[in-house]
C-alpha atoms as a PDB file:
ATOM      1  CA  MET A   1      58.590 -70.266 -12.178  1.00  0.00           C
ATOM      2  CA  LYS A   2      57.603 -66.991 -11.886  1.00  0.00           C
ATOM      3  CA  HIS A   3      58.419 -65.455  -8.214  1.00  0.00           C
ATOM      4  CA  ARG A   4      58.177 -62.352  -6.360  1.00  0.00           C
ATOM      5  CA  VAL A   5      60.091 -61.001  -3.385  1.00  0.00           C
ATOM      6  CA  ASP A   6      57.923 -59.685  -0.811  1.00  0.00           C
ATOM      7  CA  GLY A   7      60.571 -59.049   1.820  1.00  0.00           C
ATOM      8  CA  LEU A   8      64.072 -59.301   2.931  1.00  0.00           C
ATOM      9  CA  ASP A   9      65.453 -58.724   6.181  1.00  0.00           C
ATOM     10  CA  ASN A  10      69.148 -58.669   6.791  1.00  0.00           C
ATOM     11  CA  GLU A  11      69.221 -57.753  10.360  1.00  0.00           C
ATOM     12  CA  ASN A  12      66.497 -60.608  11.290  1.00  0.00           C
ATOM     13  CA  PHE A  13      67.420 -62.782   8.648  1.00  0.00           C
ATOM     14  CA  THR A  14      63.743 -63.216   7.214  1.00  0.00           C
ATOM     15  CA  TYR A  15      62.626 -63.420   3.325  1.00  0.00           C
ATOM     16  CA  SER A  16      59.733 -63.567   1.708  1.00  0.00           C
ATOM     17  CA  TYR A  17      58.561 -64.425  -1.233  1.00  0.00           C
ATOM     18  CA  THR A  18      55.439 -65.448  -3.531  1.00  0.00           C
ATOM     19  CA  VAL A  19      55.356 -68.088  -5.940  1.00  0.00           C
ATOM     20  CA  MET A  20      52.323 -67.554  -8.751  1.00  0.00           C
ATOM     21  CA  GLU A  21      53.475 -69.407 -11.800  1.00  0.00           C
ATOM     22  CA  GLY A  22      55.131 -72.758 -12.673  1.00  0.00           C
ATOM     23  CA  ASP A  23      55.584 -76.392 -12.098  1.00  0.00           C
ATOM     24  CA  ALA A  24      55.773 -76.130  -8.106  1.00  0.00           C
ATOM     25  CA  LEU A  25      52.349 -74.887  -8.236  1.00  0.00           C
ATOM     26  CA  MET A  26      49.640 -77.714  -8.262  1.00  0.00           C
ATOM     27  CA  GLU A  27      46.520 -77.202 -10.556  1.00  0.00           C
ATOM     28  CA  GLU A  28      44.222 -76.330  -7.701  1.00  0.00           C
ATOM     29  CA  LEU A  29      46.916 -73.211  -6.601  1.00  0.00           C
ATOM     30  CA  GLU A  30      46.728 -69.660  -7.459  1.00  0.00           C
ATOM     31  CA  SER A  31      49.876 -68.928  -5.257  1.00  0.00           C
ATOM     32  CA  ILE A  32      52.291 -70.151  -2.385  1.00  0.00           C
ATOM     33  CA  ILE A  33      53.479 -66.867  -0.255  1.00  0.00           C
ATOM     34  CA  TYR A  34      56.615 -68.970   1.721  1.00  0.00           C
ATOM     35  CA  HIS A  35      58.320 -66.559   5.013  1.00  0.00           C
ATOM     36  CA  ILE A  36      61.780 -68.032   5.970  1.00  0.00           C
ATOM     37  CA  LYS A  37      63.590 -66.865   8.939  1.00  0.00           C
ATOM     38  CA  ILE A  38      66.818 -68.123  10.161  1.00  0.00           C
ATOM     39  CA  VAL A  39      67.264 -68.263  13.950  1.00  0.00           C
ATOM     40  CA  PRO A  40      70.890 -68.545  15.194  1.00  0.00           C
ATOM     41  CA  THR A  41      71.826 -71.169  17.808  1.00  0.00           C
ATOM     42  CA  ALA A  42      73.811 -71.094  21.042  1.00  0.00           C
ATOM     43  CA  ASP A  43      76.343 -73.613  19.526  1.00  0.00           C
ATOM     44  CA  GLY A  44      77.025 -71.462  16.418  1.00  0.00           C
ATOM     45  CA  GLY A  45      74.820 -73.188  14.193  1.00  0.00           C
ATOM     46  CA  SER A  46      71.296 -71.801  12.865  1.00  0.00           C
ATOM     47  CA  ILE A  47      67.711 -73.097  12.519  1.00  0.00           C
ATOM     48  CA  CYS A  48      65.563 -72.535   9.482  1.00  0.00           C
ATOM     49  CA  LYS A  49      62.070 -71.848  10.133  1.00  0.00           C
ATOM     50  CA  ASN A  50      59.735 -71.930   6.772  1.00  0.00           C
ATOM     51  CA  ARG A  51      56.207 -71.252   6.587  1.00  0.00           C
ATOM     52  CA  SER A  52      54.017 -71.727   3.687  1.00  0.00           C
ATOM     53  CA  ILE A  53      50.719 -70.196   2.774  1.00  0.00           C
ATOM     54  CA  TYR A  54      48.735 -71.825   0.121  1.00  0.00           C
ATOM     55  CA  HIS A  55      46.077 -69.798  -1.826  1.00  0.00           C
ATOM     56  CA  THR A  56      43.765 -71.905  -3.724  1.00  0.00           C
ATOM     57  CA  LYS A  57      41.871 -70.829  -6.951  1.00  0.00           C
ATOM     58  CA  GLY A  58      38.128 -70.643  -5.710  1.00  0.00           C
ATOM     59  CA  ASP A  59      37.008 -73.139  -3.274  1.00  0.00           C
ATOM     60  CA  ALA A  60      39.408 -75.729  -4.688  1.00  0.00           C
ATOM     61  CA  GLN A  61      40.397 -78.524  -2.045  1.00  0.00           C
ATOM     62  CA  ILE A  62      44.410 -79.661  -1.787  1.00  0.00           C
ATOM     63  CA  ALA A  63      44.750 -83.262  -0.818  1.00  0.00           C
ATOM     64  CA  GLU A  64      46.960 -83.534   2.663  1.00  0.00           C
ATOM     65  CA  ASP A  65      49.298 -86.426   0.485  1.00  0.00           C
ATOM     66  CA  LYS A  66      49.829 -83.474  -2.359  1.00  0.00           C
ATOM     67  CA  ILE A  67      50.814 -80.845   0.568  1.00  0.00           C
ATOM     68  CA  LYS A  68      53.301 -83.591   2.233  1.00  0.00           C
ATOM     69  CA  ALA A  69      54.932 -84.208  -1.040  1.00  0.00           C
ATOM     70  CA  GLY A  70      55.350 -80.806  -1.910  1.00  0.00           C
ATOM     71  CA  LYS A  71      57.054 -80.488   1.678  1.00  0.00           C
ATOM     72  CA  GLU A  72      59.206 -83.141   0.939  1.00  0.00           C
ATOM     73  CA  LYS A  73      60.470 -81.815  -2.444  1.00  0.00           C
ATOM     74  CA  ALA A  74      61.208 -78.479  -0.705  1.00  0.00           C
ATOM     75  CA  LEU A  75      63.082 -80.219   1.985  1.00  0.00           C
ATOM     76  CA  ASN A  76      65.279 -82.482  -0.580  1.00  0.00           C
ATOM     77  CA  ILE A  77      66.172 -79.317  -2.067  1.00  0.00           C
ATOM     78  CA  PHE A  78      67.037 -77.303   0.778  1.00  0.00           C
ATOM     79  CA  LYS A  79      69.070 -80.343   2.063  1.00  0.00           C
ATOM     80  CA  ALA A  80      70.892 -80.160  -1.300  1.00  0.00           C
ATOM     81  CA  VAL A  81      71.730 -76.248  -0.884  1.00  0.00           C
ATOM     82  CA  GLU A  82      72.895 -77.278   2.542  1.00  0.00           C
ATOM     83  CA  ALA A  83      75.069 -79.912   1.725  1.00  0.00           C
ATOM     84  CA  TYR A  84      76.962 -77.518  -1.204  1.00  0.00           C
ATOM     85  CA  LEU A  85      77.220 -74.989   1.029  1.00  0.00           C
ATOM     86  CA  HIS A  86      79.141 -76.940   3.789  1.00  0.00           C
ATOM     87  CA  ALA A  87      81.139 -78.490   0.778  1.00  0.00           C
ATOM     88  CA  ASN A  88      81.786 -74.996  -0.673  1.00  0.00           C
ATOM     89  CA  PRO A  89      82.218 -72.389   2.266  1.00  0.00           C
ATOM     90  CA  ASP A  90      83.854 -70.120   0.018  1.00  0.00           C
ATOM     91  CA  ALA A  91      80.668 -69.683  -2.130  1.00  0.00           C
ATOM     92  CA  TYR A  92      78.985 -67.933   0.801  1.00  0.00           C
ATOM     93  CA  ASN A  93      81.849 -65.492   1.982  1.00  0.00           C
END
């Protein structure tokens, strides 16, 4: 997978990047831009907000089931990372 970091703001807990090549892209896609923001909660936790922008090749259309499957894969990766970090708090301190 080839990606580019578009923005990183440590103060506002935001991260933006673009995926331009690789298995993460469906054949209809030129690129996907991801905008991630971590929002603190009152109880000391956080909420991760993720927005994805799909850029298609030409006027290609993406089937809704393909988008849903891609979101499910991303969520599973996020949950795996979250579980690892909960189990290994020294990994990020």
